[in-house]
Amino acid sequence: MTLVVSSNKMRLLFFITIIFYLVETVNAQNNNEPDGLDVELRSSVYTATEGELPFWFYSGVYGTVDPGSTNFLNEISFQQSIIGNSKISLDAGGNAVLRWSEDSTILFPQLYLTGRALGLKLDIGRFPQPIGLNNHDLSVGSMMVSRNAMPVPKISISVPEFRDVPLTDGYLQYKGMFTHGWLEKDRHVESPYLHQKYFYLRVNVGPLSGTGGIVHNAQWGGTDPDLGRLPQSFNDYIRLVTGQGADASSNAPGGEKSNVIGNSVAAYEFGLQYDHNEYTINLTRLFYLEDKVSTRFRSPWDGVWGVNLAFDDKTRWLNAVTYEHINTKNQDAKSWELIGRRDYYDNFVYSSGWTYENRTLGIPLIIFDGNTISNNVLVGHHLGLKGNVGDDLLSWRSLFTWSRNYGVQDDWVERSSDSIPKDREDIIPREQFQKDQLSWLLSLEYDIQNVDGLYLNVNLAVDTGELYSDNLGLMMGVTWR
């Protein structure tokens, strides 16, 4: 198998390696330990009975695993504290992945600078930034931004943790984010921009807290193969940020003039949390919003329900449980219209959809086939569990995901229309496209006592159903931290 990578990637890998070894050399010359330097090295092999890998081997791993074949991955990750005191901090971090597979390559999922001061955080580069109240290692992944795709290069200013609103004595807190990013050139609309923002408020009363917020993501600008350069001036940016349509004199398509600029992926999100002295339980609800009509709760059942239980004692054999229910069926359809009409994550201009580097940016149950969104009408149930065994020597995590998938509305309609009555003869019963799927993951990490910082990793994954091939996968690897 031949590894073919671009000269730019080779230069970047060489640059990261040189920086890493320079830091190590300086610390060695000073006869001290690296100050604030965290390093992780990982080697792993992914294989499966069907050649292609099971769902949970390539989903939620920042786009590093090739789903189509056996993978041999070598990774190096680092984070270095440059400045650190009570008022200001500056950190640098990154990782490089050398992958041998049918699609061999060198990847750089992270390379960033992070600064903190006065409660604000500034991030520049490529860095993980999942969005949503229920978006952690037991979740199936947020419908906004999950861990499914490689992080988008961007500049972000945020208040990432809840902070007290002045004069409220901690009863009222807030957090927020505002970013500008750059999507890749190799897509239907070349080199579009990414705009993201969110704002949450939390009310605390004793052990109870309630949270509500709004999230807005949008793809905009770029160059369309037919329309040319799409609106992307500063005035267009202001219209995007404030939720307005494109200027009537611009070359934007009519839908962007009557609705809003760009392809929006947004949500209302709410949470309720109870803190006990031994555990924390919280409920979350995300209402998915595709356009202005959605903001009026046109599809109140679409979105994600979440329940999380986490014990304060992390040494328990079971210390955290998550359940999520996912529904994307209605999609703003009225009672006489066919469900799935808004074609979630897809867009009539940005037809590469809510994706980056061929992976959906949000929930991985919505599928991108390399050209377009091919599955976005579904109902799902997801269960995540984790814990520790044997004096914390063995940690484990397990994910169970069941979904009923119907493809997209265009699959059922031989001649697509914006408004389709139920008695149209050219509608194929969607039950013919129904595909049930169960995917399971068991992840184990064993702390090897005789070697400091060395861990053995073993993962098992199973797919069974009609959406993917019945499949059994095995991952084995070692990690040094």
Foldseek 3Di string as FASTA:
>chain_A
DDADEDPVLVVVVVVVVVVVVVQVVVCVVVVHDADQKDKKKKWKKKAWPVAFHFPVVQFLQARQDDRRGIKIKIKMKMKHWDDDDPFKTKMWIWMWIQIDTPNGYIDTLDTWMWMDGPLKIKIFFRDDDFDDPPADPQDLWFQPFHSGHRGFGKIKMWNPDWDDDPPPVRQKTKIKMWMKTWFAQPAQFGTWIKTWMKMKMWGDDPQKIKMKMKIKMFTAWGQHPPLGTFDDDVVLVVQQVVFAADDPPGSDDPVRHVWNGGWMWMWIKMKMWGDDPFKIKMKMWIQIDGTPLVVVVLPVVAGKIKIKIATPPQQFQWGIKMKMKHFQWALNADPFFHTQLNVPQADPGRFQGCDGPLQHRTRRVQHRPSHGGFWRGKIKMKMKIWGADDRRQKIKIKIKMKMKIQTHQCVQAVDDDNGDGPPDPRGHPSVVRIKIKIKMKMKMWGHDPVDPQKIKIKMWMFIDIDPDPTMIMIMTMMMGD
